[in-house]
Amino acid sequence: MAGLRLGRRRALVVSLATPMLASGIARASTDWPNKPVRYINPFPAGATTDVMSRICCQELSELTGQQFIVENRAGAGGNVGADAVAKSAPDGYTLGLLSIAPHAIAPTLYGKLPFNADKDFTPISMFWALPNILVVKNDLPARSIQELIDLVKANPGKYFFGSGGAGTSPHICGEMFKLRAGLEMQHVPYRGGAPAMQDMLAGQLDMMFDNISTPLVQHKAGKVRGLAVTSPQRHPNALDLPTVAEIMPGFQMTSWGGLCGPAGLPPAMVEKADGLVKKALSTEKIRTAFLAQAATVFYMNTADTVAFRRKQQEELAPVIRASGAKVD
């Protein structure tokens, strides 16, 4: 009997505590952030995604009065950092970059992943869009997309293209290009676009796709030869370069970045974070900083971000499968 009364008292304590606990979580969510936030960038320091992430985090820090600290956790085409976000506590104090590579390409490209792109993340909002560019080393005898296609077709297996890693959008750009043009050339994955560019400048790599920012600088300096961009229209920072789509109608690959956290983030915290991103991206300062990196503001609210990521995964899956690209 005494045990029954004790059990009832415990149940009463739990029932009284539950609303208080829920209230505390809700209050903590609306107070977010009240301490520094860790932001995981799954790509190397110094890469375009790193520069862009730091621009966004600086603006969020200024808006909230709390530091958004960028931590680079590179590896496996962004999968290492993405997994760190997925396995973090869902309290809003570990967030990360929502990126095309781990969140839309990897689910099809990789035979096995440590996370589920559909279930293990909370997409919050989009930050930027950034096209890729195709560049070749200066002594390669091709000055246009068509000349490059003719050269590679005449020498199957002789030429190599590089990218900042297996599973990145530049890698898939190269695979799409091979598939559409019927080319035989091998992919060389690097640990980021910077070492790939170093090999290009040294004449050890024939060509590469990469996010437009850094290669465009080298193209304008005459150190590599830009052939085309992968956006639907010519890029305002490189109007002298055609789009790949001008030769291959429908060819398009645009990298994108956004904000996400682990699954289970409190809805009130997500709503507040989305509002902060929207406010940050509305400033002329951010637009100018993005354009300096050849990127454009690409804001989407939470619901649209969730739908966009899923649609990108669905659209890229058949392209990746058709290309034969696969990482076990």
C-alpha atoms as a PDB file:
ATOM      1  CA  MET A   1       0.000   0.000   0.000  1.00  0.00           C
ATOM      2  CA  ALA A   2       2.838   2.342   0.982  1.00  0.00           C
ATOM      3  CA  GLY A   3       4.532   1.516  -2.307  1.00  0.00           C
ATOM      4  CA  LEU A   4       1.361   2.411  -4.206  1.00  0.00           C
ATOM      5  CA  ARG A   5       1.114   5.793  -2.443  1.00  0.00           C
ATOM      6  CA  LEU A   6       4.811   6.460  -3.168  1.00  0.00           C
ATOM      7  CA  GLY A   7       4.280   5.617  -6.854  1.00  0.00           C
ATOM      8  CA  ARG A   8       1.349   8.017  -7.029  1.00  0.00           C
ATOM      9  CA  ARG A   9       3.385  10.798  -5.412  1.00  0.00           C
ATOM     10  CA  ARG A  10       6.186  10.256  -7.957  1.00  0.00           C
ATOM     11  CA  ALA A  11       3.715  10.333 -10.835  1.00  0.00           C
ATOM     12  CA  LEU A  12       2.273  13.576  -9.464  1.00  0.00           C
ATOM     13  CA  VAL A  13       5.759  15.137  -9.239  1.00  0.00           C
ATOM     14  CA  VAL A  14       6.515  14.121 -12.837  1.00  0.00           C
ATOM     15  CA  SER A  15       3.163  15.443 -14.086  1.00  0.00           C
ATOM     16  CA  LEU A  16       3.766  18.779 -12.371  1.00  0.00           C
ATOM     17  CA  ALA A  17       7.363  19.001 -13.569  1.00  0.00           C
ATOM     18  CA  THR A  18       6.632  18.244 -17.239  1.00  0.00           C
ATOM     19  CA  PRO A  19       4.913  21.581 -18.047  1.00  0.00           C
ATOM     20  CA  MET A  20       7.689  23.417 -16.182  1.00  0.00           C
ATOM     21  CA  LEU A  21      10.329  21.565 -18.206  1.00  0.00           C
ATOM     22  CA  ALA A  22       8.532  22.304 -21.473  1.00  0.00           C
ATOM     23  CA  SER A  23       8.232  25.949 -20.464  1.00  0.00           C
ATOM     24  CA  GLY A  24      11.945  26.066 -19.702  1.00  0.00           C
ATOM     25  CA  ILE A  25      12.828  24.611 -23.120  1.00  0.00           C
ATOM     26  CA  ALA A  26      10.544  27.084 -24.872  1.00  0.00           C
ATOM     27  CA  ARG A  27      12.033  29.976 -22.897  1.00  0.00           C
ATOM     28  CA  ALA A  28      15.591  28.808 -23.695  1.00  0.00           C
ATOM     29  CA  SER A  29      14.656  28.596 -27.378  1.00  0.00           C
ATOM     30  CA  THR A  30      13.343  32.152 -27.543  1.00  0.00           C
ATOM     31  CA  ASP A  31      16.370  33.406 -25.591  1.00  0.00           C
ATOM     32  CA  TRP A  32      18.705  31.804 -28.112  1.00  0.00           C
ATOM     33  CA  PRO A  33      21.541  32.527 -28.432  1.00  0.00           C
ATOM     34  CA  ASN A  34      22.672  33.409 -24.907  1.00  0.00           C
ATOM     35  CA  LYS A  35      26.189  32.014 -25.363  1.00  0.00           C
ATOM     36  CA  PRO A  36      28.606  31.440 -28.281  1.00  0.00           C
ATOM     37  CA  VAL A  37      27.419  29.221 -31.143  1.00  0.00           C
ATOM     38  CA  ARG A  38      29.721  26.711 -32.832  1.00  0.00           C
ATOM     39  CA  TYR A  39      29.317  26.659 -36.627  1.00  0.00           C
ATOM     40  CA  ILE A  40      30.851  23.651 -38.395  1.00  0.00           C
ATOM     41  CA  ASN A  41      32.099  24.195 -41.934  1.00  0.00           C
ATOM     42  CA  PRO A  42      32.718  20.752 -43.476  1.00  0.00           C
ATOM     43  CA  PHE A  43      35.313  22.102 -45.917  1.00  0.00           C
ATOM     44  CA  PRO A  44      38.922  23.306 -45.522  1.00  0.00           C
ATOM     45  CA  ALA A  45      39.977  26.671 -44.126  1.00  0.00           C
ATOM     46  CA  GLY A  46      40.577  29.231 -46.861  1.00  0.00           C
ATOM     47  CA  ALA A  47      38.145  27.631 -49.322  1.00  0.00           C
ATOM     48  CA  THR A  48      35.308  29.719 -50.739  1.00  0.00           C
ATOM     49  CA  THR A  49      32.801  28.052 -48.411  1.00  0.00           C
ATOM     50  CA  ASP A  50      35.038  29.062 -45.493  1.00  0.00           C
ATOM     51  CA  VAL A  51      35.172  32.703 -46.593  1.00  0.00           C
ATOM     52  CA  MET A  52      31.413  32.762 -47.183  1.00  0.00           C
ATOM     53  CA  SER A  53      30.690  31.070 -43.857  1.00  0.00           C
ATOM     54  CA  ARG A  54      32.806  33.604 -41.991  1.00  0.00           C
ATOM     55  CA  ILE A  55      30.999  36.489 -43.702  1.00  0.00           C
ATOM     56  CA  CYS A  56      27.644  35.082 -42.578  1.00  0.00           C
ATOM     57  CA  CYS A  57      28.792  34.204 -39.064  1.00  0.00           C
ATOM     58  CA  GLN A  58      30.273  37.652 -38.549  1.00  0.00           C
ATOM     59  CA  GLU A  59      26.960  39.247 -39.461  1.00  0.00           C
ATOM     60  CA  LEU A  60      25.027  36.878 -37.177  1.00  0.00           C
ATOM     61  CA  SER A  61      27.470  37.673 -34.360  1.00  0.00           C
ATOM     62  CA  GLU A  62      26.846  41.393 -34.807  1.00  0.00           C
ATOM     63  CA  LEU A  63      23.062  40.909 -34.862  1.00  0.00           C
ATOM     64  CA  THR A  64      22.934  38.746 -31.726  1.00  0.00           C
ATOM     65  CA  GLY A  65      25.852  39.977 -29.632  1.00  0.00           C
ATOM     66  CA  GLN A  66      27.061  36.358 -29.380  1.00  0.00           C
ATOM     67  CA  GLN A  67      29.973  34.847 -31.254  1.00  0.00           C
ATOM     68  CA  PHE A  68      29.292  32.412 -34.097  1.00  0.00           C
ATOM     69  CA  ILE A  69      32.607  30.555 -34.181  1.00  0.00           C
ATOM     70  CA  VAL A  70      33.556  28.797 -37.427  1.00  0.00           C
ATOM     71  CA  GLU A  71      35.152  25.391 -36.960  1.00  0.00           C
ATOM     72  CA  ASN A  72      36.542  23.616 -40.037  1.00  0.00           C
ATOM     73  CA  ARG A  73      35.920  19.852 -40.019  1.00  0.00           C
ATOM     74  CA  ALA A  74      36.930  18.822 -43.533  1.00  0.00           C
ATOM     75  CA  GLY A  75      37.042  15.353 -45.044  1.00  0.00           C
ATOM     76  CA  ALA A  76      35.164  12.933 -47.332  1.00  0.00           C
ATOM     77  CA  GLY A  77      33.624  15.646 -49.501  1.00  0.00           C
ATOM     78  CA  GLY A  78      32.034  17.386 -46.520  1.00  0.00           C
ATOM     79  CA  ASN A  79      30.681  14.229 -44.883  1.00  0.00           C
ATOM     80  CA  VAL A  80      32.948  14.400 -41.813  1.00  0.00           C
ATOM     81  CA  GLY A  81      31.728  17.850 -40.823  1.00  0.00           C
ATOM     82  CA  ALA A  82      28.124  17.072 -41.705  1.00  0.00           C
ATOM     83  CA  ASP A  83      28.253  14.006 -39.467  1.00  0.00           C
ATOM     84  CA  ALA A  84      29.588  16.147 -36.599  1.00  0.00           C
ATOM     85  CA  VAL A  85      26.551  18.416 -36.956  1.00  0.00           C
ATOM     86  CA  ALA A  86      24.156  15.453 -37.136  1.00  0.00           C
ATOM     87  CA  LYS A  87      25.551  13.956 -33.928  1.00  0.00           C
ATOM     88  CA  SER A  88      25.617  17.203 -31.912  1.00  0.00           C
ATOM     89  CA  ALA A  89      23.143  18.111 -29.168  1.00  0.00           C
ATOM     90  CA  PRO A  90      19.909  19.641 -30.569  1.00  0.00           C
ATOM     91  CA  ASP A  91      20.151  22.773 -28.442  1.00  0.00           C
ATOM     92  CA  GLY A  92      21.031  25.341 -31.123  1.00  0.00           C
ATOM     93  CA  TYR A  93      24.630  25.815 -30.000  1.00  0.00           C
ATOM     94  CA  THR A  94      26.156  23.590 -32.672  1.00  0.00           C
ATOM     95  CA  LEU A  95      25.033  24.489 -36.181  1.00  0.00           C
ATOM     96  CA  GLY A  96      26.701  24.077 -39.540  1.00  0.00           C
ATOM     97  CA  LEU A  97      26.797  24.602 -43.259  1.00  0.00           C
ATOM     98  CA  LEU A  98      23.978  23.077 -45.276  1.00  0.00           C
ATOM     99  CA  SER A  99      25.801  22.252 -48.505  1.00  0.00           C
ATOM    100  CA  ILE A 100      25.052  20.602 -51.818  1.00  0.00           C
ATOM    101  CA  ALA A 101      27.887  18.079 -51.392  1.00  0.00           C
ATOM    102  CA  PRO A 102      26.959  16.193 -48.192  1.00  0.00           C
ATOM    103  CA  HIS A 103      23.253  17.031 -48.188  1.00  0.00           C
ATOM    104  CA  ALA A 104      22.247  16.481 -51.828  1.00  0.00           C
ATOM    105  CA  ILE A 105      25.052  14.637 -53.659  1.00  0.00           C
ATOM    106  CA  ALA A 106      26.456  12.267 -51.029  1.00  0.00           C
ATOM    107  CA  PRO A 107      23.222  10.277 -50.439  1.00  0.00           C
ATOM    108  CA  THR A 108      23.477   8.935 -54.010  1.00  0.00           C
ATOM    109  CA  LEU A 109      27.236   8.998 -54.589  1.00  0.00           C
ATOM    110  CA  TYR A 110      28.332   7.205 -51.420  1.00  0.00           C
ATOM    111  CA  GLY A 111      27.528   3.560 -50.847  1.00  0.00           C
ATOM    112  CA  LYS A 112      27.424   4.139 -47.084  1.00  0.00           C
ATOM    113  CA  LEU A 113      27.067   7.299 -45.010  1.00  0.00           C
ATOM    114  CA  PRO A 114      27.247   7.797 -41.218  1.00  0.00           C
ATOM    115  CA  PHE A 115      24.162  10.019 -41.370  1.00  0.00           C
ATOM    116  CA  ASN A 116      20.780  10.197 -43.087  1.00  0.00           C
ATOM    117  CA  ALA A 117      20.407  13.436 -45.051  1.00  0.00           C
ATOM    118  CA  ASP A 118      16.610  13.287 -44.768  1.00  0.00           C
ATOM    119  CA  LYS A 119      16.300  12.502 -41.062  1.00  0.00           C
ATOM    120  CA  ASP A 120      19.399  13.648 -39.168  1.00  0.00           C
ATOM    121  CA  PHE A 121      19.339  17.411 -39.846  1.00  0.00           C
ATOM    122  CA  THR A 122      17.158  20.451 -39.319  1.00  0.00           C
ATOM    123  CA  PRO A 123      17.519  22.752 -42.345  1.00  0.00           C
ATOM    124  CA  ILE A 124      17.017  26.376 -41.229  1.00  0.00           C
ATOM    125  CA  SER A 125      17.522  28.690 -44.215  1.00  0.00           C
ATOM    126  CA  MET A 126      19.622  29.293 -47.304  1.00  0.00           C
ATOM    127  CA  PHE A 127      22.593  31.685 -47.507  1.00  0.00           C
ATOM    128  CA  TRP A 128      24.145  31.826 -50.991  1.00  0.00           C
ATOM    129  CA  ALA A 129      24.361  30.427 -54.506  1.00  0.00           C
ATOM    130  CA  LEU A 130      27.709  30.013 -56.257  1.00  0.00           C
ATOM    131  CA  PRO A 131      28.344  28.631 -59.766  1.00  0.00           C
ATOM    132  CA  ASN A 132      31.360  26.597 -60.789  1.00  0.00           C
ATOM    133  CA  ILE A 133      33.884  27.390 -63.484  1.00  0.00           C
ATOM    134  CA  LEU A 134      35.871  25.153 -65.822  1.00  0.00           C
ATOM    135  CA  VAL A 135      39.533  26.148 -66.155  1.00  0.00           C
ATOM    136  CA  VAL A 136      42.421  24.485 -67.993  1.00  0.00           C
ATOM    137  CA  LYS A 137      46.172  24.865 -67.701  1.00  0.00           C
ATOM    138  CA  ASN A 138      47.629  27.470 -70.021  1.00  0.00           C
ATOM    139  CA  ASP A 139      49.557  25.076 -72.268  1.00  0.00           C
ATOM    140  CA  LEU A 140      46.534  22.880 -72.950  1.00  0.00           C
ATOM    141  CA  PRO A 141      45.694  23.391 -76.663  1.00  0.00           C
ATOM    142  CA  ALA A 142      42.019  24.217 -76.123  1.00  0.00           C
ATOM    143  CA  ARG A 143      40.553  27.717 -76.017  1.00  0.00           C
ATOM    144  CA  SER A 144      36.879  26.829 -75.976  1.00  0.00           C
ATOM    145  CA  ILE A 145      34.547  24.133 -74.691  1.00  0.00           C
ATOM    146  CA  GLN A 146      34.231  22.639 -78.174  1.00  0.00           C
ATOM    147  CA  GLU A 147      37.997  22.582 -78.674  1.00  0.00           C
ATOM    148  CA  LEU A 148      38.383  20.856 -75.297  1.00  0.00           C
ATOM    149  CA  ILE A 149      35.795  18.239 -76.219  1.00  0.00           C
ATOM    150  CA  ASP A 150      37.513  17.576 -79.557  1.00  0.00           C
ATOM    151  CA  LEU A 151      40.931  17.331 -77.854  1.00  0.00           C
ATOM    152  CA  VAL A 152      39.823  14.845 -75.191  1.00  0.00           C
ATOM    153  CA  LYS A 153      37.863  12.750 -77.695  1.00  0.00           C
ATOM    154  CA  ALA A 154      40.965  12.495 -79.889  1.00  0.00           C
ATOM    155  CA  ASN A 155      43.033  11.339 -76.898  1.00  0.00           C
ATOM    156  CA  PRO A 156      40.831   9.057 -74.741  1.00  0.00           C
ATOM    157  CA  GLY A 157      42.231   8.427 -71.275  1.00  0.00           C
ATOM    158  CA  LYS A 158      45.096  10.916 -71.657  1.00  0.00           C
ATOM    159  CA  TYR A 159      43.663  13.884 -69.752  1.00  0.00           C
ATOM    160  CA  PHE A 160      42.702  14.299 -66.094  1.00  0.00           C
ATOM    161  CA  PHE A 161      40.315  16.652 -64.377  1.00  0.00           C
ATOM    162  CA  GLY A 162      40.571  17.641 -60.726  1.00  0.00           C
ATOM    163  CA  SER A 163      38.175  18.859 -58.066  1.00  0.00           C
ATOM    164  CA  GLY A 164      38.191  19.778 -54.398  1.00  0.00           C
ATOM    165  CA  GLY A 165      37.098  16.267 -53.433  1.00  0.00           C
ATOM    166  CA  ALA A 166      34.897  13.316 -54.314  1.00  0.00           C
ATOM    167  CA  GLY A 167      31.254  14.203 -53.935  1.00  0.00           C
ATOM    168  CA  THR A 168      31.656  17.954 -54.251  1.00  0.00           C
ATOM    169  CA  SER A 169      29.666  19.870 -56.849  1.00  0.00           C
ATOM    170  CA  PRO A 170      32.833  20.475 -58.958  1.00  0.00           C
ATOM    171  CA  HIS A 171      33.392  16.703 -59.047  1.00  0.00           C
ATOM    172  CA  ILE A 172      29.828  16.059 -60.210  1.00  0.00           C
ATOM    173  CA  CYS A 173      30.201  18.906 -62.736  1.00  0.00           C
ATOM    174  CA  GLY A 174      33.115  17.026 -64.258  1.00  0.00           C
ATOM    175  CA  GLU A 175      31.182  13.761 -64.303  1.00  0.00           C
ATOM    176  CA  MET A 176      28.206  15.483 -65.965  1.00  0.00           C
ATOM    177  CA  PHE A 177      30.527  17.049 -68.521  1.00  0.00           C
ATOM    178  CA  LYS A 178      32.099  13.654 -69.322  1.00  0.00           C
ATOM    179  CA  LEU A 179      28.684  12.038 -69.627  1.00  0.00           C
ATOM    180  CA  ARG A 180      27.125  14.712 -71.824  1.00  0.00           C
ATOM    181  CA  ALA A 181      30.140  15.003 -74.144  1.00  0.00           C
ATOM    182  CA  GLY A 182      30.966  11.289 -74.229  1.00  0.00           C
ATOM    183  CA  LEU A 183      34.501  11.786 -72.933  1.00  0.00           C
ATOM    184  CA  GLU A 184      36.974   9.374 -71.399  1.00  0.00           C
ATOM    185  CA  MET A 185      39.015  11.110 -68.711  1.00  0.00           C
ATOM    186  CA  GLN A 186      39.812  10.395 -65.088  1.00  0.00           C
ATOM    187  CA  HIS A 187      38.864  12.336 -61.965  1.00  0.00           C
ATOM    188  CA  VAL A 188      41.583  13.339 -59.489  1.00  0.00           C
ATOM    189  CA  PRO A 189      40.124  14.291 -56.086  1.00  0.00           C
ATOM    190  CA  TYR A 190      42.056  16.752 -53.902  1.00  0.00           C
ATOM    191  CA  ARG A 191      41.579  17.837 -50.306  1.00  0.00           C
ATOM    192  CA  GLY A 192      40.073  21.154 -51.351  1.00  0.00           C
ATOM    193  CA  GLY A 193      40.223  23.386 -54.400  1.00  0.00           C
ATOM    194  CA  ALA A 194      43.441  25.147 -53.330  1.00  0.00           C
ATOM    195  CA  PRO A 195      45.794  22.137 -53.720  1.00  0.00           C
ATOM    196  CA  ALA A 196      44.118  21.272 -57.025  1.00  0.00           C
ATOM    197  CA  MET A 197      44.777  24.801 -58.252  1.00  0.00           C
ATOM    198  CA  GLN A 198      48.403  24.561 -57.109  1.00  0.00           C
ATOM    199  CA  ASP A 199      48.876  21.496 -59.303  1.00  0.00           C
ATOM    200  CA  MET A 200      47.217  23.305 -62.214  1.00  0.00           C
ATOM    201  CA  LEU A 201      49.543  26.269 -61.827  1.00  0.00           C
ATOM    202  CA  ALA A 202      52.468  23.835 -61.748  1.00  0.00           C
ATOM    203  CA  GLY A 203      51.210  22.223 -64.976  1.00  0.00           C
ATOM    204  CA  GLN A 204      50.561  18.862 -63.288  1.00  0.00           C
ATOM    205  CA  LEU A 205      46.758  18.909 -63.710  1.00  0.00           C
ATOM    206  CA  ASP A 206      45.047  19.405 -67.051  1.00  0.00           C
ATOM    207  CA  MET A 207      41.761  20.977 -65.992  1.00  0.00           C
ATOM    208  CA  MET A 208      39.392  21.386 -63.091  1.00  0.00           C
ATOM    209  CA  PHE A 209      35.921  22.465 -62.135  1.00  0.00           C
ATOM    210  CA  ASP A 210      35.749  24.558 -58.982  1.00  0.00           C
ATOM    211  CA  ASN A 211      33.626  27.179 -57.251  1.00  0.00           C
ATOM    212  CA  ILE A 212      34.160  30.264 -59.356  1.00  0.00           C
ATOM    213  CA  SER A 213      35.801  32.610 -56.850  1.00  0.00           C
ATOM    214  CA  THR A 214      39.484  31.593 -56.733  1.00  0.00           C
ATOM    215  CA  PRO A 215      39.876  30.191 -60.281  1.00  0.00           C
ATOM    216  CA  LEU A 216      38.353  33.367 -61.696  1.00  0.00           C
ATOM    217  CA  VAL A 217      41.113  35.415 -60.065  1.00  0.00           C
ATOM    218  CA  GLN A 218      43.730  33.127 -61.615  1.00  0.00           C
ATOM    219  CA  HIS A 219      41.972  33.347 -64.992  1.00  0.00           C
ATOM    220  CA  LYS A 220      41.971  37.148 -64.909  1.00  0.00           C
ATOM    221  CA  ALA A 221      45.657  37.093 -63.925  1.00  0.00           C
ATOM    222  CA  GLY A 222      46.426  34.922 -66.967  1.00  0.00           C
ATOM    223  CA  LYS A 223      47.701  32.012 -64.867  1.00  0.00           C
ATOM    224  CA  VAL A 224      45.008  29.567 -66.040  1.00  0.00           C
ATOM    225  CA  ARG A 225      42.515  29.701 -68.892  1.00  0.00           C
ATOM    226  CA  GLY A 226      38.838  29.885 -68.027  1.00  0.00           C
ATOM    227  CA  LEU A 227      36.563  28.225 -70.571  1.00  0.00           C
ATOM    228  CA  ALA A 228      33.029  28.405 -69.169  1.00  0.00           C
ATOM    229  CA  VAL A 229      30.805  28.808 -66.118  1.00  0.00           C
ATOM    230  CA  THR A 230      28.119  26.365 -64.999  1.00  0.00           C
ATOM    231  CA  SER A 231      25.382  28.875 -64.150  1.00  0.00           C
ATOM    232  CA  PRO A 232      22.300  29.209 -66.403  1.00  0.00           C
ATOM    233  CA  GLN A 233      23.403  32.684 -67.521  1.00  0.00           C
ATOM    234  CA  ARG A 234      26.798  34.315 -67.914  1.00  0.00           C
ATOM    235  CA  HIS A 235      28.214  35.463 -64.612  1.00  0.00           C
ATOM    236  CA  PRO A 236      28.351  39.227 -63.940  1.00  0.00           C
ATOM    237  CA  ASN A 237      31.948  38.872 -62.710  1.00  0.00           C
ATOM    238  CA  ALA A 238      33.013  36.998 -65.849  1.00  0.00           C
ATOM    239  CA  LEU A 239      30.972  38.203 -68.818  1.00  0.00           C
ATOM    240  CA  ASP A 240      33.785  37.179 -71.184  1.00  0.00           C
ATOM    241  CA  LEU A 241      33.174  33.513 -70.360  1.00  0.00           C
ATOM    242  CA  PRO A 242      30.303  31.564 -71.939  1.00  0.00           C
ATOM    243  CA  THR A 243      28.145  29.115 -70.035  1.00  0.00           C
ATOM    244  CA  VAL A 244      28.595  25.391 -70.562  1.00  0.00           C
ATOM    245  CA  ALA A 245      24.893  25.410 -71.470  1.00  0.00           C
ATOM    246  CA  GLU A 246      25.682  27.433 -74.603  1.00  0.00           C
ATOM    247  CA  ILE A 247      27.346  24.271 -75.951  1.00  0.00           C
ATOM    248  CA  MET A 248      25.381  21.704 -73.925  1.00  0.00           C
ATOM    249  CA  PRO A 249      21.801  22.986 -73.539  1.00  0.00           C
ATOM    250  CA  GLY A 250      20.428  22.414 -70.051  1.00  0.00           C
ATOM    251  CA  PHE A 251      23.821  21.904 -68.408  1.00  0.00           C
ATOM    252  CA  GLN A 252      23.735  23.578 -64.998  1.00  0.00           C
ATOM    253  CA  MET A 253      25.366  23.043 -61.611  1.00  0.00           C
ATOM    254  CA  THR A 254      25.232  25.691 -58.921  1.00  0.00           C
ATOM    255  CA  SER A 255      26.715  25.185 -55.477  1.00  0.00           C
ATOM    256  CA  TRP A 256      24.735  26.507 -52.550  1.00  0.00           C
ATOM    257  CA  GLY A 257      25.151  27.033 -48.852  1.00  0.00           C
ATOM    258  CA  GLY A 258      22.738  27.435 -45.985  1.00  0.00           C
ATOM    259  CA  LEU A 259      22.332  26.966 -42.253  1.00  0.00           C
ATOM    260  CA  CYS A 260      21.345  23.737 -40.552  1.00  0.00           C
ATOM    261  CA  GLY A 261      21.537  21.924 -37.248  1.00  0.00           C
ATOM    262  CA  PRO A 262      20.940  18.420 -35.960  1.00  0.00           C
ATOM    263  CA  ALA A 263      17.484  16.879 -36.035  1.00  0.00           C
ATOM    264  CA  GLY A 264      15.188  17.897 -33.200  1.00  0.00           C
ATOM    265  CA  LEU A 265      16.049  21.590 -32.879  1.00  0.00           C
ATOM    266  CA  PRO A 266      13.333  23.481 -30.958  1.00  0.00           C
ATOM    267  CA  PRO A 267      10.912  25.094 -33.451  1.00  0.00           C
ATOM    268  CA  ALA A 268      11.079  28.471 -31.691  1.00  0.00           C
ATOM    269  CA  MET A 269      14.869  28.495 -31.991  1.00  0.00           C
ATOM    270  CA  VAL A 270      14.670  27.548 -35.699  1.00  0.00           C
ATOM    271  CA  GLU A 271      12.161  30.325 -36.328  1.00  0.00           C
ATOM    272  CA  LYS A 272      14.383  32.869 -34.611  1.00  0.00           C
ATOM    273  CA  ALA A 273      17.508  31.703 -36.462  1.00  0.00           C
ATOM    274  CA  ASP A 274      15.701  31.895 -39.789  1.00  0.00           C
ATOM    275  CA  GLY A 275      14.630  35.453 -39.014  1.00  0.00           C
ATOM    276  CA  LEU A 276      18.196  36.417 -38.154  1.00  0.00           C
ATOM    277  CA  VAL A 277      19.518  34.963 -41.409  1.00  0.00           C
ATOM    278  CA  LYS A 278      16.872  36.832 -43.389  1.00  0.00           C
ATOM    279  CA  LYS A 279      17.822  40.073 -41.655  1.00  0.00           C
ATOM    280  CA  ALA A 280      21.550  39.481 -42.176  1.00  0.00           C
ATOM    281  CA  LEU A 281      21.159  38.770 -45.886  1.00  0.00           C
ATOM    282  CA  SER A 282      19.067  41.877 -46.467  1.00  0.00           C
ATOM    283  CA  THR A 283      22.008  44.218 -45.874  1.00  0.00           C
ATOM    284  CA  GLU A 284      23.941  45.831 -48.706  1.00  0.00           C
ATOM    285  CA  LYS A 285      27.143  44.937 -46.852  1.00  0.00           C
ATOM    286  CA  ILE A 286      26.421  41.221 -47.217  1.00  0.00           C
ATOM    287  CA  ARG A 287      25.392  41.531 -50.867  1.00  0.00           C
ATOM    288  CA  THR A 288      28.633  43.350 -51.658  1.00  0.00           C
ATOM    289  CA  ALA A 289      30.724  40.835 -49.720  1.00  0.00           C
ATOM    290  CA  PHE A 290      29.026  37.946 -51.510  1.00  0.00           C
ATOM    291  CA  LEU A 291      29.560  39.501 -54.930  1.00  0.00           C
ATOM    292  CA  ALA A 292      33.257  39.923 -54.139  1.00  0.00           C
ATOM    293  CA  GLN A 293      33.306  36.125 -53.862  1.00  0.00           C
ATOM    294  CA  ALA A 294      31.262  35.805 -57.096  1.00  0.00           C
ATOM    295  CA  ALA A 295      28.289  34.554 -55.055  1.00  0.00           C
ATOM    296  CA  THR A 296      24.725  35.841 -54.822  1.00  0.00           C
ATOM    297  CA  VAL A 297      22.263  36.016 -51.935  1.00  0.00           C
ATOM    298  CA  PHE A 298      20.010  32.956 -52.061  1.00  0.00           C
ATOM    299  CA  TYR A 299      17.736  33.304 -49.047  1.00  0.00           C
ATOM    300  CA  MET A 300      14.919  30.809 -48.496  1.00  0.00           C
ATOM    301  CA  ASN A 301      12.841  30.364 -45.371  1.00  0.00           C
ATOM    302  CA  THR A 302      12.839  27.096 -43.445  1.00  0.00           C
ATOM    303  CA  ALA A 303       9.985  25.366 -45.276  1.00  0.00           C
ATOM    304  CA  ASP A 304      11.380  26.300 -48.692  1.00  0.00           C
ATOM    305  CA  THR A 305      14.898  25.235 -47.645  1.00  0.00           C
ATOM    306  CA  VAL A 306      13.638  21.797 -46.609  1.00  0.00           C
ATOM    307  CA  ALA A 307      11.844  21.363 -49.941  1.00  0.00           C
ATOM    308  CA  PHE A 308      14.771  22.720 -51.979  1.00  0.00           C
ATOM    309  CA  ARG A 309      17.320  20.359 -50.419  1.00  0.00           C
ATOM    310  CA  ARG A 310      15.091  17.351 -51.023  1.00  0.00           C
ATOM    311  CA  LYS A 311      14.417  18.401 -54.633  1.00  0.00           C
ATOM    312  CA  GLN A 312      18.136  18.863 -55.318  1.00  0.00           C
ATOM    313  CA  GLN A 313      18.868  15.367 -54.043  1.00  0.00           C
ATOM    314  CA  GLU A 314      16.112  13.919 -56.233  1.00  0.00           C
ATOM    315  CA  GLU A 315      17.230  15.825 -59.349  1.00  0.00           C
ATOM    316  CA  LEU A 316      20.921  14.992 -58.971  1.00  0.00           C
ATOM    317  CA  ALA A 317      20.439  11.289 -58.190  1.00  0.00           C
ATOM    318  CA  PRO A 318      19.785  10.103 -61.780  1.00  0.00           C
ATOM    319  CA  VAL A 319      22.646  12.251 -63.114  1.00  0.00           C
ATOM    320  CA  ILE A 320      25.087  10.766 -60.600  1.00  0.00           C
ATOM    321  CA  ARG A 321      23.912   7.218 -61.306  1.00  0.00           C
ATOM    322  CA  ALA A 322      24.137   7.716 -65.074  1.00  0.00           C
ATOM    323  CA  SER A 323      27.672   9.077 -64.787  1.00  0.00           C
ATOM    324  CA  GLY A 324      28.831   5.901 -63.051  1.00  0.00           C
ATOM    325  CA  ALA A 325      30.470   7.929 -60.283  1.00  0.00           C
ATOM    326  CA  LYS A 326      30.444   6.083 -56.963  1.00  0.00           C
ATOM    327  CA  VAL A 327      32.353   6.123 -53.679  1.00  0.00           C
ATOM    328  CA  ASP A 328      32.191   3.002 -51.501  1.00  0.00           C
END
